[in-house]
Amino acid sequence: MPHKALLRVFERFLKSERELSGLNVTVVFIGEKKMQGLNETWKGGIGPTDVLTFDYGDIYICKKVAERNAKADHIPVVIEILNLFAHGLLHLKGYTHETDKKYAVMMEKMKKIVG
């Protein structure tokens, strides 16, 4: 994963969410088994998911799930990972997607951040 691309996404996120200060973010790339365990233990999900965000600033991305998503969406995996990183950052800011309206808002912000 190109570090510069992740930094660009993070910089765009910080510019779009100006009131944030002192934000510490850790991005961790993990395998499917670890992601499944986190998802089931902390989020009540079943199986591995693509990205999980925890309020203390950790964003976990499962590369294998991201690769499958990218293939299904016919996009480069690096773009999918940047999308997931932006998605995780937006969750840290408090954005959610439990309704269609909130999902649309979050996806629009994600597109602007990733560029």
PDB file of N, CA and C in Angstrom:
ATOM      1  N   MET A   1       0.850  -1.180   0.000  1.00  0.00           N
ATOM      2  CA  MET A   1       0.000   0.000   0.000  1.00  0.00           C
ATOM      3  C   MET A   1       0.892   1.238   0.000  1.00  0.00           C
ATOM      4  N   PRO A   2       0.723   2.094  -0.974  1.00  0.00           N
ATOM      5  CA  PRO A   2       1.543   3.316  -1.002  1.00  0.00           C
ATOM      6  C   PRO A   2       1.215   4.245   0.171  1.00  0.00           C
ATOM      7  N   HIS A   3       2.213   4.499   0.983  1.00  0.00           N
ATOM      8  CA  HIS A   3       2.025   5.353   2.158  1.00  0.00           C
ATOM      9  C   HIS A   3       1.610   6.768   1.766  1.00  0.00           C
ATOM     10  N   LYS A   4       2.158   7.273   0.654  1.00  0.00           N
ATOM     11  CA  LYS A   4       1.822   8.629   0.220  1.00  0.00           C
ATOM     12  C   LYS A   4       0.339   8.754  -0.106  1.00  0.00           C
ATOM     13  N   ALA A   5      -0.236   7.733  -0.702  1.00  0.00           N
ATOM     14  CA  ALA A   5      -1.671   7.775  -1.030  1.00  0.00           C
ATOM     15  C   ALA A   5      -2.505   7.801   0.251  1.00  0.00           C
ATOM     16  N   LEU A   6      -2.125   7.017   1.244  1.00  0.00           N
ATOM     17  CA  LEU A   6      -2.835   7.040   2.522  1.00  0.00           C
ATOM     18  C   LEU A   6      -2.722   8.417   3.177  1.00  0.00           C
ATOM     19  N   LEU A   7      -1.547   9.000   3.124  1.00  0.00           N
ATOM     20  CA  LEU A   7      -1.354  10.329   3.708  1.00  0.00           C
ATOM     21  C   LEU A   7      -2.189  11.391   3.001  1.00  0.00           C
ATOM     22  N   ARG A   8      -2.293  11.301   1.662  1.00  0.00           N
ATOM     23  CA  ARG A   8      -3.127  12.251   0.913  1.00  0.00           C
ATOM     24  C   ARG A   8      -4.582  12.146   1.339  1.00  0.00           C
ATOM     25  N   VAL A   9      -5.071  10.920   1.491  1.00  0.00           N
ATOM     26  CA  VAL A   9      -6.450  10.726   1.935  1.00  0.00           C
ATOM     27  C   VAL A   9      -6.630  11.305   3.333  1.00  0.00           C
ATOM     28  N   PHE A  10      -5.680  11.058   4.207  1.00  0.00           N
ATOM     29  CA  PHE A  10      -5.768  11.582   5.573  1.00  0.00           C
ATOM     30  C   PHE A  10      -5.760  13.113   5.575  1.00  0.00           C
ATOM     31  N   GLU A  11      -4.909  13.713   4.767  1.00  0.00           N
ATOM     32  CA  GLU A  11      -4.857  15.175   4.682  1.00  0.00           C
ATOM     33  C   GLU A  11      -6.186  15.741   4.164  1.00  0.00           C
ATOM     34  N   ARG A  12      -6.756  15.121   3.135  1.00  0.00           N
ATOM     35  CA  ARG A  12      -8.059  15.577   2.622  1.00  0.00           C
ATOM     36  C   ARG A  12      -9.143  15.436   3.685  1.00  0.00           C
ATOM     37  N   PHE A  13      -9.097  14.360   4.423  1.00  0.00           N
ATOM     38  CA  PHE A  13     -10.063  14.151   5.502  1.00  0.00           C
ATOM     39  C   PHE A  13      -9.945  15.268   6.536  1.00  0.00           C
ATOM     40  N   LEU A  14      -8.728  15.571   6.959  1.00  0.00           N
ATOM     41  CA  LEU A  14      -8.526  16.612   7.973  1.00  0.00           C
ATOM     42  C   LEU A  14      -8.984  17.982   7.467  1.00  0.00           C
ATOM     43  N   LYS A  15      -8.765  18.252   6.185  1.00  0.00           N
ATOM     44  CA  LYS A  15      -9.227  19.524   5.614  1.00  0.00           C
ATOM     45  C   LYS A  15     -10.746  19.586   5.569  1.00  0.00           C
ATOM     46  N   SER A  16     -11.383  18.474   5.289  1.00  0.00           N
ATOM     47  CA  SER A  16     -12.846  18.476   5.181  1.00  0.00           C
ATOM     48  C   SER A  16     -13.523  18.493   6.548  1.00  0.00           C
ATOM     49  N   GLU A  17     -12.844  18.028   7.564  1.00  0.00           N
ATOM     50  CA  GLU A  17     -13.391  17.971   8.924  1.00  0.00           C
ATOM     51  C   GLU A  17     -12.544  18.861   9.821  1.00  0.00           C
ATOM     52  N   ARG A  18     -12.598  20.144   9.598  1.00  0.00           N
ATOM     53  CA  ARG A  18     -11.696  21.127  10.201  1.00  0.00           C
ATOM     54  C   ARG A  18     -11.672  21.140  11.729  1.00  0.00           C
ATOM     55  N   GLU A  19     -12.782  20.808  12.369  1.00  0.00           N
ATOM     56  CA  GLU A  19     -12.829  20.938  13.816  1.00  0.00           C
ATOM     57  C   GLU A  19     -12.067  19.843  14.558  1.00  0.00           C
ATOM     58  N   LEU A  20     -11.496  18.914  13.847  1.00  0.00           N
ATOM     59  CA  LEU A  20     -10.728  17.854  14.504  1.00  0.00           C
ATOM     60  C   LEU A  20      -9.355  18.376  14.919  1.00  0.00           C
ATOM     61  N   SER A  21      -8.943  17.991  16.077  1.00  0.00           N
ATOM     62  CA  SER A  21      -7.590  18.312  16.512  1.00  0.00           C
ATOM     63  C   SER A  21      -7.100  17.196  17.412  1.00  0.00           C
ATOM     64  N   GLY A  22      -5.821  16.956  17.358  1.00  0.00           N
ATOM     65  CA  GLY A  22      -5.229  15.931  18.208  1.00  0.00           C
ATOM     66  C   GLY A  22      -5.665  14.521  17.863  1.00  0.00           C
ATOM     67  N   LEU A  23      -6.072  14.300  16.621  1.00  0.00           N
ATOM     68  CA  LEU A  23      -6.536  12.977  16.206  1.00  0.00           C
ATOM     69  C   LEU A  23      -5.345  12.071  15.920  1.00  0.00           C
ATOM     70  N   ASN A  24      -5.287  10.949  16.601  1.00  0.00           N
ATOM     71  CA  ASN A  24      -4.282   9.925  16.341  1.00  0.00           C
ATOM     72  C   ASN A  24      -4.969   8.748  15.689  1.00  0.00           C
ATOM     73  N   VAL A  25      -4.428   8.318  14.561  1.00  0.00           N
ATOM     74  CA  VAL A  25      -5.030   7.218  13.811  1.00  0.00           C
ATOM     75  C   VAL A  25      -3.974   6.155  13.556  1.00  0.00           C
ATOM     76  N   THR A  26      -4.364   4.918  13.784  1.00  0.00           N
ATOM     77  CA  THR A  26      -3.519   3.777  13.465  1.00  0.00           C
ATOM     78  C   THR A  26      -4.259   2.930  12.446  1.00  0.00           C
ATOM     79  N   VAL A  27      -3.582   2.589  11.360  1.00  0.00           N
ATOM     80  CA  VAL A  27      -4.157   1.709  10.340  1.00  0.00           C
ATOM     81  C   VAL A  27      -3.439   0.377  10.449  1.00  0.00           C
ATOM     82  N   VAL A  28      -4.228  -0.679  10.598  1.00  0.00           N
ATOM     83  CA  VAL A  28      -3.671  -2.016  10.756  1.00  0.00           C
ATOM     84  C   VAL A  28      -4.248  -2.909   9.670  1.00  0.00           C
ATOM     85  N   PHE A  29      -3.378  -3.538   8.894  1.00  0.00           N
ATOM     86  CA  PHE A  29      -3.809  -4.487   7.878  1.00  0.00           C
ATOM     87  C   PHE A  29      -3.721  -5.879   8.483  1.00  0.00           C
ATOM     88  N   ILE A  30      -4.848  -6.590   8.463  1.00  0.00           N
ATOM     89  CA  ILE A  30      -4.906  -7.897   9.120  1.00  0.00           C
ATOM     90  C   ILE A  30      -5.505  -8.935   8.185  1.00  0.00           C
ATOM     91  N   GLY A  31      -5.321 -10.196   8.560  1.00  0.00           N
ATOM     92  CA  GLY A  31      -5.858 -11.304   7.799  1.00  0.00           C
ATOM     93  C   GLY A  31      -7.317 -11.578   8.139  1.00  0.00           C
ATOM     94  N   GLU A  32      -7.891 -12.497   7.397  1.00  0.00           N
ATOM     95  CA  GLU A  32      -9.314 -12.803   7.550  1.00  0.00           C
ATOM     96  C   GLU A  32      -9.662 -13.378   8.925  1.00  0.00           C
ATOM     97  N   LYS A  33      -8.838 -14.272   9.455  1.00  0.00           N
ATOM     98  CA  LYS A  33      -9.150 -14.874  10.755  1.00  0.00           C
ATOM     99  C   LYS A  33      -9.167 -13.829  11.864  1.00  0.00           C
ATOM    100  N   LYS A  34      -8.182 -12.949  11.857  1.00  0.00           N
ATOM    101  CA  LYS A  34      -8.124 -11.883  12.865  1.00  0.00           C
ATOM    102  C   LYS A  34      -9.318 -10.936  12.701  1.00  0.00           C
ATOM    103  N   MET A  35      -9.636 -10.591  11.454  1.00  0.00           N
ATOM    104  CA  MET A  35     -10.771  -9.700  11.200  1.00  0.00           C
ATOM    105  C   MET A  35     -12.077 -10.360  11.627  1.00  0.00           C
ATOM    106  N   GLN A  36     -12.222 -11.631  11.357  1.00  0.00           N
ATOM    107  CA  GLN A  36     -13.421 -12.353  11.786  1.00  0.00           C
ATOM    108  C   GLN A  36     -13.557 -12.292  13.306  1.00  0.00           C
ATOM    109  N   GLY A  37     -12.457 -12.532  14.002  1.00  0.00           N
ATOM    110  CA  GLY A  37     -12.490 -12.481  15.466  1.00  0.00           C
ATOM    111  C   GLY A  37     -12.883 -11.102  15.992  1.00  0.00           C
ATOM    112  N   LEU A  38     -12.304 -10.047  15.427  1.00  0.00           N
ATOM    113  CA  LEU A  38     -12.653  -8.687  15.845  1.00  0.00           C
ATOM    114  C   LEU A  38     -14.110  -8.367  15.543  1.00  0.00           C
ATOM    115  N   ASN A  39     -14.538  -8.742  14.346  1.00  0.00           N
ATOM    116  CA  ASN A  39     -15.915  -8.455  13.924  1.00  0.00           C
ATOM    117  C   ASN A  39     -16.921  -9.162  14.834  1.00  0.00           C
ATOM    118  N   GLU A  40     -16.672 -10.410  15.123  1.00  0.00           N
ATOM    119  CA  GLU A  40     -17.608 -11.178  15.940  1.00  0.00           C
ATOM    120  C   GLU A  40     -17.567 -10.743  17.408  1.00  0.00           C
ATOM    121  N   THR A  41     -16.364 -10.463  17.915  1.00  0.00           N
ATOM    122  CA  THR A  41     -16.222 -10.094  19.321  1.00  0.00           C
ATOM    123  C   THR A  41     -16.723  -8.688  19.619  1.00  0.00           C
ATOM    124  N   TRP A  42     -16.356  -7.724  18.786  1.00  0.00           N
ATOM    125  CA  TRP A  42     -16.609  -6.321  19.108  1.00  0.00           C
ATOM    126  C   TRP A  42     -17.790  -5.704  18.382  1.00  0.00           C
ATOM    127  N   LYS A  43     -18.164  -6.254  17.231  1.00  0.00           N
ATOM    128  CA  LYS A  43     -19.228  -5.626  16.447  1.00  0.00           C
ATOM    129  C   LYS A  43     -20.460  -6.514  16.286  1.00  0.00           C
ATOM    130  N   GLY A  44     -20.375  -7.744  16.726  1.00  0.00           N
ATOM    131  CA  GLY A  44     -21.517  -8.645  16.625  1.00  0.00           C
ATOM    132  C   GLY A  44     -21.777  -9.150  15.229  1.00  0.00           C
ATOM    133  N   GLY A  45     -20.805  -8.994  14.342  1.00  0.00           N
ATOM    134  CA  GLY A  45     -20.945  -9.467  12.962  1.00  0.00           C
ATOM    135  C   GLY A  45     -20.608 -10.940  12.850  1.00  0.00           C
ATOM    136  N   ILE A  46     -20.788 -11.450  11.664  1.00  0.00           N
ATOM    137  CA  ILE A  46     -20.460 -12.842  11.385  1.00  0.00           C
ATOM    138  C   ILE A  46     -19.430 -12.870  10.266  1.00  0.00           C
ATOM    139  N   GLY A  47     -18.328 -13.529  10.509  1.00  0.00           N
ATOM    140  CA  GLY A  47     -17.280 -13.646   9.501  1.00  0.00           C
ATOM    141  C   GLY A  47     -16.435 -12.385   9.387  1.00  0.00           C
ATOM    142  N   PRO A  48     -15.453 -12.427   8.469  1.00  0.00           N
ATOM    143  CA  PRO A  48     -14.587 -11.266   8.288  1.00  0.00           C
ATOM    144  C   PRO A  48     -15.314 -10.161   7.532  1.00  0.00           C
ATOM    145  N   THR A  49     -14.976  -8.934   7.831  1.00  0.00           N
ATOM    146  CA  THR A  49     -15.503  -7.786   7.113  1.00  0.00           C
ATOM    147  C   THR A  49     -14.327  -7.035   6.504  1.00  0.00           C
ATOM    148  N   ASP A  50     -14.597  -6.008   5.737  1.00  0.00           N
ATOM    149  CA  ASP A  50     -13.511  -5.307   5.060  1.00  0.00           C
ATOM    150  C   ASP A  50     -12.799  -4.287   5.946  1.00  0.00           C
ATOM    151  N   VAL A  51     -13.567  -3.534   6.765  1.00  0.00           N
ATOM    152  CA  VAL A  51     -12.962  -2.504   7.601  1.00  0.00           C
ATOM    153  C   VAL A  51     -13.721  -2.400   8.918  1.00  0.00           C
ATOM    154  N   LEU A  52     -12.982  -2.220   9.993  1.00  0.00           N
ATOM    155  CA  LEU A  52     -13.560  -1.950  11.308  1.00  0.00           C
ATOM    156  C   LEU A  52     -12.848  -0.740  11.893  1.00  0.00           C
ATOM    157  N   THR A  53     -13.626   0.118  12.525  1.00  0.00           N
ATOM    158  CA  THR A  53     -13.080   1.319  13.155  1.00  0.00           C
ATOM    159  C   THR A  53     -13.450   1.302  14.626  1.00  0.00           C
ATOM    160  N   PHE A  54     -12.470   1.606  15.449  1.00  0.00           N
ATOM    161  CA  PHE A  54     -12.698   1.691  16.880  1.00  0.00           C
ATOM    162  C   PHE A  54     -12.485   3.132  17.327  1.00  0.00           C
ATOM    163  N   ASP A  55     -13.311   3.570  18.262  1.00  0.00           N
ATOM    164  CA  ASP A  55     -13.351   4.974  18.678  1.00  0.00           C
ATOM    165  C   ASP A  55     -12.010   5.532  19.133  1.00  0.00           C
ATOM    166  N   TYR A  56     -11.126   4.699  19.586  1.00  0.00           N
ATOM    167  CA  TYR A  56      -9.832   5.177  20.066  1.00  0.00           C
ATOM    168  C   TYR A  56      -8.844   5.424  18.925  1.00  0.00           C
ATOM    169  N   GLY A  57      -9.275   5.274  17.677  1.00  0.00           N
ATOM    170  CA  GLY A  57      -8.461   5.658  16.534  1.00  0.00           C
ATOM    171  C   GLY A  57      -7.858   4.543  15.724  1.00  0.00           C
ATOM    172  N   ASP A  58      -8.195   3.305  16.014  1.00  0.00           N
ATOM    173  CA  ASP A  58      -7.668   2.197  15.222  1.00  0.00           C
ATOM    174  C   ASP A  58      -8.615   1.857  14.083  1.00  0.00           C
ATOM    175  N   ILE A  59      -8.045   1.738  12.889  1.00  0.00           N
ATOM    176  CA  ILE A  59      -8.791   1.306  11.708  1.00  0.00           C
ATOM    177  C   ILE A  59      -8.138   0.017  11.229  1.00  0.00           C
ATOM    178  N   TYR A  60      -8.921  -1.050  11.217  1.00  0.00           N
ATOM    179  CA  TYR A  60      -8.442  -2.345  10.762  1.00  0.00           C
ATOM    180  C   TYR A  60      -8.999  -2.612   9.367  1.00  0.00           C
ATOM    181  N   ILE A  61      -8.106  -2.980   8.445  1.00  0.00           N
ATOM    182  CA  ILE A  61      -8.503  -3.284   7.070  1.00  0.00           C
ATOM    183  C   ILE A  61      -8.043  -4.692   6.752  1.00  0.00           C
ATOM    184  N   CYS A  62      -8.958  -5.493   6.224  1.00  0.00           N
ATOM    185  CA  CYS A  62      -8.625  -6.855   5.803  1.00  0.00           C
ATOM    186  C   CYS A  62      -8.329  -6.836   4.303  1.00  0.00           C
ATOM    187  N   LYS A  63      -7.079  -7.047   3.965  1.00  0.00           N
ATOM    188  CA  LYS A  63      -6.659  -6.963   2.566  1.00  0.00           C
ATOM    189  C   LYS A  63      -7.359  -8.001   1.695  1.00  0.00           C
ATOM    190  N   LYS A  64      -7.544  -9.202   2.204  1.00  0.00           N
ATOM    191  CA  LYS A  64      -8.196 -10.255   1.406  1.00  0.00           C
ATOM    192  C   LYS A  64      -9.633  -9.873   1.050  1.00  0.00           C
ATOM    193  N   VAL A  65     -10.370  -9.337   2.015  1.00  0.00           N
ATOM    194  CA  VAL A  65     -11.747  -8.919   1.750  1.00  0.00           C
ATOM    195  C   VAL A  65     -11.733  -7.723   0.805  1.00  0.00           C
ATOM    196  N   ALA A  66     -10.784  -6.814   0.997  1.00  0.00           N
ATOM    197  CA  ALA A  66     -10.658  -5.655   0.107  1.00  0.00           C
ATOM    198  C   ALA A  66     -10.376  -6.107  -1.329  1.00  0.00           C
ATOM    199  N   GLU A  67      -9.548  -7.120  -1.477  1.00  0.00           N
ATOM    200  CA  GLU A  67      -9.247  -7.649  -2.819  1.00  0.00           C
ATOM    201  C   GLU A  67     -10.502  -8.217  -3.476  1.00  0.00           C
ATOM    202  N   ARG A  68     -11.307  -8.936  -2.712  1.00  0.00           N
ATOM    203  CA  ARG A  68     -12.559  -9.477  -3.265  1.00  0.00           C
ATOM    204  C   ARG A  68     -13.529  -8.355  -3.643  1.00  0.00           C
ATOM    205  N   ASN A  69     -13.625  -7.342  -2.781  1.00  0.00           N
ATOM    206  CA  ASN A  69     -14.493  -6.199  -3.087  1.00  0.00           C
ATOM    207  C   ASN A  69     -14.047  -5.503  -4.365  1.00  0.00           C
ATOM    208  N   ALA A  70     -12.754  -5.281  -4.479  1.00  0.00           N
ATOM    209  CA  ALA A  70     -12.207  -4.586  -5.653  1.00  0.00           C
ATOM    210  C   ALA A  70     -12.496  -5.370  -6.925  1.00  0.00           C
ATOM    211  N   LYS A  71     -12.310  -6.676  -6.862  1.00  0.00           N
ATOM    212  CA  LYS A  71     -12.577  -7.514  -8.035  1.00  0.00           C
ATOM    213  C   LYS A  71     -14.052  -7.446  -8.412  1.00  0.00           C
ATOM    214  N   ALA A  72     -14.936  -7.534  -7.430  1.00  0.00           N
ATOM    215  CA  ALA A  72     -16.379  -7.479  -7.693  1.00  0.00           C
ATOM    216  C   ALA A  72     -16.805  -6.123  -8.266  1.00  0.00           C
ATOM    217  N   ASP A  73     -16.137  -5.045  -7.810  1.00  0.00           N
ATOM    218  CA  ASP A  73     -16.479  -3.694  -8.262  1.00  0.00           C
ATOM    219  C   ASP A  73     -15.655  -3.243  -9.468  1.00  0.00           C
ATOM    220  N   HIS A  74     -14.748  -4.099  -9.937  1.00  0.00           N
ATOM    221  CA  HIS A  74     -13.901  -3.812 -11.102  1.00  0.00           C
ATOM    222  C   HIS A  74     -13.078  -2.536 -10.907  1.00  0.00           C
ATOM    223  N   ILE A  75     -12.462  -2.431  -9.724  1.00  0.00           N
ATOM    224  CA  ILE A  75     -11.585  -1.299  -9.435  1.00  0.00           C
ATOM    225  C   ILE A  75     -10.256  -1.835  -8.909  1.00  0.00           C
ATOM    226  N   PRO A  76      -9.198  -1.045  -9.014  1.00  0.00           N
ATOM    227  CA  PRO A  76      -7.910  -1.488  -8.461  1.00  0.00           C
ATOM    228  C   PRO A  76      -8.010  -1.652  -6.940  1.00  0.00           C
ATOM    229  N   VAL A  77      -7.306  -2.630  -6.412  1.00  0.00           N
ATOM    230  CA  VAL A  77      -7.362  -2.902  -4.973  1.00  0.00           C
ATOM    231  C   VAL A  77      -6.868  -1.705  -4.166  1.00  0.00           C
ATOM    232  N   VAL A  78      -5.913  -0.963  -4.697  1.00  0.00           N
ATOM    233  CA  VAL A  78      -5.405   0.197  -3.972  1.00  0.00           C
ATOM    234  C   VAL A  78      -6.511   1.238  -3.788  1.00  0.00           C
ATOM    235  N   ILE A  79      -7.372   1.404  -4.762  1.00  0.00           N
ATOM    236  CA  ILE A  79      -8.499   2.339  -4.643  1.00  0.00           C
ATOM    237  C   ILE A  79      -9.481   1.832  -3.590  1.00  0.00           C
ATOM    238  N   GLU A  80      -9.733   0.545  -3.584  1.00  0.00           N
ATOM    239  CA  GLU A  80     -10.632  -0.025  -2.572  1.00  0.00           C
ATOM    240  C   GLU A  80     -10.066   0.190  -1.168  1.00  0.00           C
ATOM    241  N   ILE A  81      -8.780  -0.006  -0.997  1.00  0.00           N
ATOM    242  CA  ILE A  81      -8.170   0.189   0.316  1.00  0.00           C
ATOM    243  C   ILE A  81      -8.247   1.662   0.728  1.00  0.00           C
ATOM    244  N   LEU A  82      -8.027   2.571  -0.196  1.00  0.00           N
ATOM    245  CA  LEU A  82      -8.163   3.994   0.119  1.00  0.00           C
ATOM    246  C   LEU A  82      -9.608   4.334   0.480  1.00  0.00           C
ATOM    247  N   ASN A  83     -10.560   3.731  -0.229  1.00  0.00           N
ATOM    248  CA  ASN A  83     -11.983   3.917   0.114  1.00  0.00           C
ATOM    249  C   ASN A  83     -12.263   3.426   1.536  1.00  0.00           C
ATOM    250  N   LEU A  84     -11.724   2.263   1.867  1.00  0.00           N
ATOM    251  CA  LEU A  84     -11.949   1.700   3.199  1.00  0.00           C
ATOM    252  C   LEU A  84     -11.299   2.561   4.279  1.00  0.00           C
ATOM    253  N   PHE A  85     -10.124   3.093   3.995  1.00  0.00           N
ATOM    254  CA  PHE A  85      -9.453   3.980   4.940  1.00  0.00           C
ATOM    255  C   PHE A  85     -10.298   5.239   5.174  1.00  0.00           C
ATOM    256  N   ALA A  86     -10.774   5.837   4.088  1.00  0.00           N
ATOM    257  CA  ALA A  86     -11.637   7.023   4.205  1.00  0.00           C
ATOM    258  C   ALA A  86     -12.919   6.681   4.959  1.00  0.00           C
ATOM    259  N   HIS A  87     -13.472   5.528   4.683  1.00  0.00           N
ATOM    260  CA  HIS A  87     -14.686   5.055   5.367  1.00  0.00           C
ATOM    261  C   HIS A  87     -14.430   4.972   6.877  1.00  0.00           C
ATOM    262  N   GLY A  88     -13.299   4.393   7.234  1.00  0.00           N
ATOM    263  CA  GLY A  88     -12.939   4.282   8.640  1.00  0.00           C
ATOM    264  C   GLY A  88     -12.740   5.639   9.290  1.00  0.00           C
ATOM    265  N   LEU A  89     -12.103   6.552   8.584  1.00  0.00           N
ATOM    266  CA  LEU A  89     -11.905   7.903   9.113  1.00  0.00           C
ATOM    267  C   LEU A  89     -13.246   8.591   9.369  1.00  0.00           C
ATOM    268  N   LEU A  90     -14.174   8.428   8.451  1.00  0.00           N
ATOM    269  CA  LEU A  90     -15.496   9.046   8.620  1.00  0.00           C
ATOM    270  C   LEU A  90     -16.228   8.459   9.825  1.00  0.00           C
ATOM    271  N   HIS A  91     -16.049   7.169  10.058  1.00  0.00           N
ATOM    272  CA  HIS A  91     -16.639   6.580  11.267  1.00  0.00           C
ATOM    273  C   HIS A  91     -16.033   7.208  12.527  1.00  0.00           C
ATOM    274  N   LEU A  92     -14.724   7.472  12.501  1.00  0.00           N
ATOM    275  CA  LEU A  92     -14.087   8.124  13.645  1.00  0.00           C
ATOM    276  C   LEU A  92     -14.708   9.491  13.912  1.00  0.00           C
ATOM    277  N   LYS A  93     -15.111  10.154  12.853  1.00  0.00           N
ATOM    278  CA  LYS A  93     -15.730  11.472  12.975  1.00  0.00           C
ATOM    279  C   LYS A  93     -17.189  11.373  13.424  1.00  0.00           C
ATOM    280  N   GLY A  94     -17.751  10.169  13.384  1.00  0.00           N
ATOM    281  CA  GLY A  94     -19.124   9.990  13.847  1.00  0.00           C
ATOM    282  C   GLY A  94     -20.134   9.708  12.764  1.00  0.00           C
ATOM    283  N   TYR A  95     -19.686   9.647  11.515  1.00  0.00           N
ATOM    284  CA  TYR A  95     -20.611   9.325  10.429  1.00  0.00           C
ATOM    285  C   TYR A  95     -20.999   7.851  10.507  1.00  0.00           C
ATOM    286  N   THR A  96     -22.249   7.573  10.192  1.00  0.00           N
ATOM    287  CA  THR A  96     -22.749   6.198  10.173  1.00  0.00           C
ATOM    288  C   THR A  96     -23.504   5.971   8.873  1.00  0.00           C
ATOM    289  N   HIS A  97     -23.935   4.731   8.674  1.00  0.00           N
ATOM    290  CA  HIS A  97     -24.648   4.416   7.429  1.00  0.00           C
ATOM    291  C   HIS A  97     -25.793   3.438   7.661  1.00  0.00           C
ATOM    292  N   GLU A  98     -26.498   3.615   8.787  1.00  0.00           N
ATOM    293  CA  GLU A  98     -27.600   2.691   9.058  1.00  0.00           C
ATOM    294  C   GLU A  98     -28.886   3.031   8.318  1.00  0.00           C
ATOM    295  N   THR A  99     -28.953   4.200   7.673  1.00  0.00           N
ATOM    296  CA  THR A  99     -30.101   4.535   6.824  1.00  0.00           C
ATOM    297  C   THR A  99     -29.589   4.876   5.435  1.00  0.00           C
ATOM    298  N   ASP A 100     -30.465   4.826   4.452  1.00  0.00           N
ATOM    299  CA  ASP A 100     -30.061   5.161   3.083  1.00  0.00           C
ATOM    300  C   ASP A 100     -29.545   6.595   2.985  1.00  0.00           C
ATOM    301  N   LYS A 101     -30.191   7.507   3.688  1.00  0.00           N
ATOM    302  CA  LYS A 101     -29.772   8.913   3.653  1.00  0.00           C
ATOM    303  C   LYS A 101     -28.380   9.088   4.250  1.00  0.00           C
ATOM    304  N   LYS A 102     -28.141   8.479   5.408  1.00  0.00           N
ATOM    305  CA  LYS A 102     -26.828   8.577   6.046  1.00  0.00           C
ATOM    306  C   LYS A 102     -25.760   7.895   5.188  1.00  0.00           C
ATOM    307  N   TYR A 103     -26.123   6.790   4.563  1.00  0.00           N
ATOM    308  CA  TYR A 103     -25.199   6.083   3.676  1.00  0.00           C
ATOM    309  C   TYR A 103     -24.794   6.984   2.508  1.00  0.00           C
ATOM    310  N   ALA A 104     -25.771   7.650   1.907  1.00  0.00           N
ATOM    311  CA  ALA A 104     -25.498   8.536   0.772  1.00  0.00           C
ATOM    312  C   ALA A 104     -24.567   9.682   1.179  1.00  0.00           C
ATOM    313  N   VAL A 105     -24.813  10.262   2.341  1.00  0.00           N
ATOM    314  CA  VAL A 105     -23.955  11.348   2.836  1.00  0.00           C
ATOM    315  C   VAL A 105     -22.535  10.838   3.040  1.00  0.00           C
ATOM    316  N   MET A 106     -22.420   9.687   3.676  1.00  0.00           N
ATOM    317  CA  MET A 106     -21.104   9.129   3.959  1.00  0.00           C
ATOM    318  C   MET A 106     -20.354   8.783   2.668  1.00  0.00           C
ATOM    319  N   MET A 107     -21.048   8.201   1.699  1.00  0.00           N
ATOM    320  CA  MET A 107     -20.404   7.824   0.438  1.00  0.00           C
ATOM    321  C   MET A 107     -19.953   9.063  -0.337  1.00  0.00           C
ATOM    322  N   GLU A 108     -20.741  10.118  -0.313  1.00  0.00           N
ATOM    323  CA  GLU A 108     -20.360  11.355  -0.995  1.00  0.00           C
ATOM    324  C   GLU A 108     -19.104  11.945  -0.367  1.00  0.00           C
ATOM    325  N   LYS A 109     -19.057  11.977   0.951  1.00  0.00           N
ATOM    326  CA  LYS A 109     -17.862  12.474   1.647  1.00  0.00           C
ATOM    327  C   LYS A 109     -16.651  11.594   1.343  1.00  0.00           C
ATOM    328  N   MET A 110     -16.864  10.291   1.317  1.00  0.00           N
ATOM    329  CA  MET A 110     -15.779   9.361   1.036  1.00  0.00           C
ATOM    330  C   MET A 110     -15.198   9.618  -0.354  1.00  0.00           C
ATOM    331  N   LYS A 111     -16.055   9.824  -1.342  1.00  0.00           N
ATOM    332  CA  LYS A 111     -15.588  10.088  -2.706  1.00  0.00           C
ATOM    333  C   LYS A 111     -14.756  11.360  -2.761  1.00  0.00           C
ATOM    334  N   LYS A 112     -15.178  12.395  -2.052  1.00  0.00           N
ATOM    335  CA  LYS A 112     -14.417  13.652  -2.049  1.00  0.00           C
ATOM    336  C   LYS A 112     -13.059  13.479  -1.383  1.00  0.00           C
ATOM    337  N   ILE A 113     -13.031  12.702  -0.326  1.00  0.00           N
ATOM    338  CA  ILE A 113     -11.779  12.506   0.400  1.00  0.00           C
ATOM    339  C   ILE A 113     -10.789  11.682  -0.418  1.00  0.00           C
ATOM    340  N   VAL A 114     -11.266  10.634  -1.071  1.00  0.00           N
ATOM    341  CA  VAL A 114     -10.367   9.773  -1.843  1.00  0.00           C
ATOM    342  C   VAL A 114      -9.950  10.465  -3.136  1.00  0.00           C
ATOM    343  N   GLY A 115     -10.844  11.242  -3.717  1.00  0.00           N
ATOM    344  CA  GLY A 115     -10.514  12.001  -4.928  1.00  0.00           C
ATOM    345  C   GLY A 115     -10.668  11.250  -6.205  1.00  0.00           C
TER     346      GLY A 115
END
